[in-house]
Amino acid sequence: MKTLLWCRVAAQAGRTILMVLLVVIAGQLAGCAKSQPCACEVPRACCRGLVPQCAACEEGLTLDAWLKKTCPDGETDAHYEGWDEETQKAIWVCDEGTRQSFQISD
């Protein structure tokens, strides 16, 4: 009789432990819900050269838009002239013509 009573108590304790484990696991799974995706802006990788293409990239503009902003008289090219300490901005000299491009190879 004692053995039967002990078995019932052990089975009931086992069920209680199982229920507690299920509640804990369910709580853990509920905490794993995926959060909203980041609305972060991916940093733009721009060249750091002192050429119009790099300056346009750093300002988030196309080359044409940058030239229109920097050279309001309609020039089609610009070159870096130096740094203005007073305004803390680059000095760009606008000119006509297209810069000669060349290919570097091994």
N, C-alpha and C. Protein backbone atom coordinates (compact mmCIF):
# COMPACT_ATOMS: atom_id res chain seq x y z
N MET A 1 0.82 -1.19 0.00
CA MET A 1 0.00 0.00 0.00
C MET A 1 0.87 1.26 0.00
N LYS A 2 1.93 1.24 0.83
CA LYS A 2 2.82 2.39 0.88
C LYS A 2 3.49 2.62 -0.48
N THR A 3 3.81 1.53 -1.15
CA THR A 3 4.46 1.65 -2.45
C THR A 3 3.52 2.29 -3.45
N LEU A 4 2.27 1.90 -3.44
CA LEU A 4 1.29 2.47 -4.35
C LEU A 4 1.09 3.95 -4.07
N LEU A 5 1.02 4.33 -2.82
CA LEU A 5 0.87 5.74 -2.43
C LEU A 5 2.10 6.54 -2.84
N TRP A 6 3.26 5.96 -2.65
CA TRP A 6 4.51 6.65 -3.05
C TRP A 6 4.57 6.86 -4.56
N CYS A 7 4.10 5.86 -5.32
CA CYS A 7 4.09 5.96 -6.78
C CYS A 7 3.16 7.06 -7.24
N ARG A 8 1.99 7.18 -6.59
CA ARG A 8 1.05 8.24 -6.94
C ARG A 8 1.65 9.62 -6.65
N VAL A 9 2.29 9.78 -5.53
CA VAL A 9 2.91 11.05 -5.16
C VAL A 9 4.02 11.39 -6.14
N ALA A 10 4.83 10.39 -6.51
CA ALA A 10 5.92 10.62 -7.45
C ALA A 10 5.37 11.00 -8.83
N ALA A 11 4.31 10.34 -9.27
CA ALA A 11 3.71 10.66 -10.57
C ALA A 11 3.13 12.07 -10.55
N GLN A 12 2.48 12.46 -9.48
CA GLN A 12 1.90 13.80 -9.38
C GLN A 12 3.02 14.85 -9.35
N ALA A 13 4.09 14.57 -8.66
CA ALA A 13 5.23 15.49 -8.62
C ALA A 13 5.86 15.62 -10.00
N GLY A 14 5.94 14.49 -10.70
CA GLY A 14 6.48 14.51 -12.06
C GLY A 14 5.63 15.36 -12.98
N ARG A 15 4.30 15.24 -12.87
CA ARG A 15 3.41 16.06 -13.68
C ARG A 15 3.56 17.54 -13.34
N THR A 16 3.71 17.84 -12.09
CA THR A 16 3.89 19.24 -11.68
C THR A 16 5.19 19.81 -12.25
N ILE A 17 6.25 19.02 -12.18
CA ILE A 17 7.54 19.46 -12.73
C ILE A 17 7.42 19.64 -14.24
N LEU A 18 6.75 18.73 -14.91
CA LEU A 18 6.57 18.82 -16.35
C LEU A 18 5.77 20.08 -16.71
N MET A 19 4.72 20.38 -15.96
CA MET A 19 3.91 21.58 -16.23
C MET A 19 4.76 22.85 -16.02
N VAL A 20 5.57 22.87 -14.98
CA VAL A 20 6.43 24.04 -14.73
C VAL A 20 7.42 24.20 -15.88
N LEU A 21 8.01 23.10 -16.33
CA LEU A 21 8.94 23.16 -17.45
C LEU A 21 8.25 23.67 -18.71
N LEU A 22 7.06 23.21 -19.00
CA LEU A 22 6.32 23.67 -20.17
C LEU A 22 6.02 25.16 -20.10
N VAL A 23 5.65 25.64 -18.91
CA VAL A 23 5.38 27.08 -18.75
C VAL A 23 6.66 27.89 -18.96
N VAL A 24 7.77 27.42 -18.44
CA VAL A 24 9.05 28.12 -18.60
C VAL A 24 9.46 28.14 -20.07
N ILE A 25 9.33 27.01 -20.75
CA ILE A 25 9.70 26.93 -22.16
C ILE A 25 8.79 27.82 -23.00
N ALA A 26 7.51 27.81 -22.72
CA ALA A 26 6.57 28.67 -23.46
C ALA A 26 6.92 30.14 -23.25
N GLY A 27 7.30 30.50 -22.03
CA GLY A 27 7.71 31.89 -21.75
C GLY A 27 8.97 32.26 -22.53
N GLN A 28 9.90 31.35 -22.62
CA GLN A 28 11.14 31.61 -23.37
C GLN A 28 10.84 31.78 -24.85
N LEU A 29 9.98 30.93 -25.39
CA LEU A 29 9.65 31.02 -26.81
C LEU A 29 8.90 32.31 -27.12
N ALA A 30 8.05 32.74 -26.23
CA ALA A 30 7.31 33.98 -26.46
C ALA A 30 8.27 35.16 -26.47
N GLY A 31 9.36 35.09 -25.74
CA GLY A 31 10.35 36.17 -25.71
C GLY A 31 11.23 36.19 -26.94
N CYS A 32 11.13 35.18 -27.79
CA CYS A 32 11.97 35.11 -28.98
C CYS A 32 11.31 35.70 -30.21
N ALA A 33 10.22 36.40 -30.03
CA ALA A 33 9.56 36.99 -31.20
C ALA A 33 10.52 37.96 -31.87
N LYS A 34 10.53 37.94 -33.20
CA LYS A 34 11.45 38.80 -33.94
C LYS A 34 11.02 40.25 -33.82
N SER A 35 11.98 41.10 -33.59
CA SER A 35 11.70 42.53 -33.50
C SER A 35 11.54 43.11 -34.89
N GLN A 36 11.08 44.33 -34.94
CA GLN A 36 10.92 45.01 -36.22
C GLN A 36 12.29 45.19 -36.86
N PRO A 37 12.37 45.09 -38.18
CA PRO A 37 13.67 45.28 -38.84
C PRO A 37 14.16 46.71 -38.64
N CYS A 38 15.45 46.84 -38.60
CA CYS A 38 16.07 48.14 -38.38
C CYS A 38 15.77 49.06 -39.56
N ALA A 39 15.36 50.27 -39.26
CA ALA A 39 15.14 51.27 -40.30
C ALA A 39 16.40 52.11 -40.46
N CYS A 40 17.53 51.50 -40.13
CA CYS A 40 18.80 52.21 -40.18
C CYS A 40 19.22 52.45 -41.62
N GLU A 41 19.91 53.54 -41.81
CA GLU A 41 20.44 53.83 -43.14
C GLU A 41 21.81 53.18 -43.26
N VAL A 42 22.00 52.46 -44.33
CA VAL A 42 23.29 51.81 -44.56
C VAL A 42 24.29 52.88 -44.97
N PRO A 43 25.43 52.95 -44.29
CA PRO A 43 26.40 53.98 -44.64
C PRO A 43 26.88 53.83 -46.08
N ARG A 44 26.99 54.95 -46.75
CA ARG A 44 27.45 54.95 -48.14
C ARG A 44 28.98 54.93 -48.12
N ALA A 45 29.56 54.09 -48.96
CA ALA A 45 31.01 54.03 -49.08
C ALA A 45 31.42 54.93 -50.24
N CYS A 46 32.07 56.04 -49.91
CA CYS A 46 32.50 57.00 -50.93
C CYS A 46 34.01 57.05 -50.97
N CYS A 47 34.52 57.35 -52.14
CA CYS A 47 35.96 57.56 -52.26
C CYS A 47 36.32 58.86 -51.54
N ARG A 48 37.55 59.03 -51.21
CA ARG A 48 37.99 60.22 -50.47
C ARG A 48 38.87 61.13 -51.34
N GLY A 49 38.88 60.91 -52.63
CA GLY A 49 39.72 61.71 -53.53
C GLY A 49 39.17 63.12 -53.71
N LEU A 50 40.01 64.00 -54.12
CA LEU A 50 39.63 65.39 -54.34
C LEU A 50 39.22 65.59 -55.80
N VAL A 51 38.21 64.82 -56.18
CA VAL A 51 37.66 64.88 -57.53
C VAL A 51 36.15 65.03 -57.41
N PRO A 52 35.51 65.56 -58.44
CA PRO A 52 34.06 65.78 -58.36
C PRO A 52 33.24 64.53 -58.04
N GLN A 53 33.62 63.38 -58.57
CA GLN A 53 32.87 62.15 -58.32
C GLN A 53 32.83 61.82 -56.82
N CYS A 54 33.95 61.97 -56.15
CA CYS A 54 34.00 61.67 -54.72
C CYS A 54 33.23 62.71 -53.91
N ALA A 55 33.36 63.98 -54.28
CA ALA A 55 32.64 65.05 -53.58
C ALA A 55 31.14 64.86 -53.74
N ALA A 56 30.69 64.47 -54.94
CA ALA A 56 29.26 64.24 -55.17
C ALA A 56 28.76 63.08 -54.31
N CYS A 57 29.52 62.03 -54.23
CA CYS A 57 29.15 60.87 -53.42
C CYS A 57 29.02 61.26 -51.95
N GLU A 58 29.98 62.01 -51.43
CA GLU A 58 29.96 62.42 -50.03
C GLU A 58 28.74 63.27 -49.70
N GLU A 59 28.25 64.03 -50.68
CA GLU A 59 27.07 64.85 -50.45
C GLU A 59 25.78 64.11 -50.79
N GLY A 60 25.90 62.87 -51.26
CA GLY A 60 24.73 62.08 -51.58
C GLY A 60 24.05 62.52 -52.87
N LEU A 61 24.82 63.10 -53.79
CA LEU A 61 24.28 63.60 -55.05
C LEU A 61 24.86 62.84 -56.23
N THR A 62 24.17 62.92 -57.35
CA THR A 62 24.77 62.40 -58.58
C THR A 62 25.80 63.42 -59.03
N LEU A 63 26.68 63.02 -59.93
CA LEU A 63 27.71 63.93 -60.42
C LEU A 63 27.07 65.14 -61.11
N ASP A 64 26.04 64.91 -61.92
CA ASP A 64 25.37 66.01 -62.61
C ASP A 64 24.74 66.99 -61.62
N ALA A 65 24.07 66.47 -60.59
CA ALA A 65 23.44 67.34 -59.59
C ALA A 65 24.51 68.12 -58.82
N TRP A 66 25.62 67.47 -58.50
CA TRP A 66 26.70 68.15 -57.78
C TRP A 66 27.29 69.26 -58.63
N LEU A 67 27.51 68.99 -59.92
CA LEU A 67 28.05 70.02 -60.81
C LEU A 67 27.10 71.20 -60.94
N LYS A 68 25.78 70.94 -61.03
CA LYS A 68 24.82 72.04 -61.10
C LYS A 68 24.85 72.88 -59.82
N LYS A 69 25.00 72.23 -58.69
CA LYS A 69 25.05 72.94 -57.41
C LYS A 69 26.36 73.71 -57.27
N THR A 70 27.47 73.09 -57.62
CA THR A 70 28.79 73.69 -57.43
C THR A 70 29.14 74.68 -58.52
N CYS A 71 28.72 74.41 -59.73
CA CYS A 71 29.04 75.26 -60.88
C CYS A 71 27.74 75.79 -61.48
N PRO A 72 27.17 76.84 -60.90
CA PRO A 72 25.85 77.31 -61.33
C PRO A 72 25.83 77.93 -62.73
N ASP A 73 26.99 78.20 -63.33
CA ASP A 73 27.01 78.79 -64.66
C ASP A 73 27.01 77.75 -65.77
N GLY A 74 26.79 76.48 -65.44
CA GLY A 74 26.66 75.43 -66.44
C GLY A 74 27.95 74.75 -66.86
N GLU A 75 29.05 75.00 -66.16
CA GLU A 75 30.31 74.31 -66.50
C GLU A 75 30.12 72.81 -66.32
N THR A 76 30.89 72.06 -67.06
CA THR A 76 30.72 70.60 -67.06
C THR A 76 31.82 69.85 -66.30
N ASP A 77 32.72 70.58 -65.66
CA ASP A 77 33.78 69.93 -64.90
C ASP A 77 34.25 70.88 -63.81
N ALA A 78 34.95 70.35 -62.86
CA ALA A 78 35.51 71.16 -61.77
C ALA A 78 36.76 70.47 -61.27
N HIS A 79 37.65 71.26 -60.68
CA HIS A 79 38.82 70.65 -60.05
C HIS A 79 39.06 71.33 -58.70
N TYR A 80 39.65 70.57 -57.81
CA TYR A 80 39.91 71.04 -56.45
C TYR A 80 41.03 72.06 -56.46
N GLU A 81 40.78 73.20 -55.83
CA GLU A 81 41.76 74.28 -55.81
C GLU A 81 42.40 74.44 -54.43
N GLY A 82 41.74 73.97 -53.40
CA GLY A 82 42.29 74.11 -52.05
C GLY A 82 41.20 74.14 -51.00
N TRP A 83 41.58 74.63 -49.83
CA TRP A 83 40.67 74.66 -48.68
C TRP A 83 40.52 76.08 -48.19
N ASP A 84 39.30 76.52 -47.97
CA ASP A 84 39.02 77.85 -47.45
C ASP A 84 38.90 77.75 -45.93
N GLU A 85 39.89 78.28 -45.22
CA GLU A 85 39.91 78.20 -43.75
C GLU A 85 38.75 78.97 -43.12
N GLU A 86 38.35 80.04 -43.76
CA GLU A 86 37.30 80.88 -43.20
C GLU A 86 35.95 80.15 -43.20
N THR A 87 35.60 79.57 -44.34
CA THR A 87 34.30 78.89 -44.45
C THR A 87 34.38 77.40 -44.12
N GLN A 88 35.61 76.90 -43.99
CA GLN A 88 35.83 75.47 -43.72
C GLN A 88 35.20 74.60 -44.81
N LYS A 89 35.39 75.04 -46.07
CA LYS A 89 34.87 74.30 -47.21
C LYS A 89 35.93 74.19 -48.29
N ALA A 90 35.76 73.17 -49.13
CA ALA A 90 36.67 72.99 -50.27
C ALA A 90 36.41 74.07 -51.31
N ILE A 91 37.48 74.49 -51.99
CA ILE A 91 37.35 75.44 -53.09
C ILE A 91 37.40 74.65 -54.39
N TRP A 92 36.35 74.76 -55.18
CA TRP A 92 36.26 74.07 -56.46
C TRP A 92 36.26 75.10 -57.57
N VAL A 93 37.09 74.91 -58.56
CA VAL A 93 37.15 75.79 -59.73
C VAL A 93 36.44 75.07 -60.87
N CYS A 94 35.41 75.72 -61.38
CA CYS A 94 34.61 75.14 -62.46
C CYS A 94 35.21 75.50 -63.81
N ASP A 95 35.12 74.56 -64.75
CA ASP A 95 35.60 74.84 -66.10
C ASP A 95 34.83 73.99 -67.10
N GLU A 96 34.96 74.35 -68.35
CA GLU A 96 34.31 73.61 -69.43
C GLU A 96 35.18 72.41 -69.81
N GLY A 97 34.57 71.49 -70.50
CA GLY A 97 35.33 70.34 -70.97
C GLY A 97 35.15 69.15 -70.06
N THR A 98 35.63 68.06 -70.54
CA THR A 98 35.54 66.82 -69.78
C THR A 98 36.93 66.37 -69.40
N ARG A 99 37.05 65.97 -68.19
CA ARG A 99 38.33 65.48 -67.70
C ARG A 99 38.73 64.22 -68.46
N GLN A 100 39.98 64.14 -68.81
CA GLN A 100 40.47 62.95 -69.53
C GLN A 100 40.54 61.79 -68.56
N SER A 101 39.94 60.68 -68.96
CA SER A 101 39.99 59.49 -68.11
C SER A 101 41.01 58.52 -68.69
N PHE A 102 41.60 57.74 -67.82
CA PHE A 102 42.58 56.77 -68.26
C PHE A 102 42.44 55.53 -67.43
N GLN A 103 42.88 54.43 -67.97
CA GLN A 103 42.76 53.13 -67.32
C GLN A 103 44.13 52.73 -66.76
N ILE A 104 44.16 52.38 -65.50
CA ILE A 104 45.39 51.89 -64.88
C ILE A 104 45.35 50.38 -64.92
N SER A 105 46.40 49.77 -65.44
CA SER A 105 46.45 48.31 -65.48
C SER A 105 47.81 47.85 -64.99
N ASP A 106 47.93 46.56 -64.77
CA ASP A 106 49.19 45.99 -64.27
C ASP A 106 50.30 46.08 -65.27
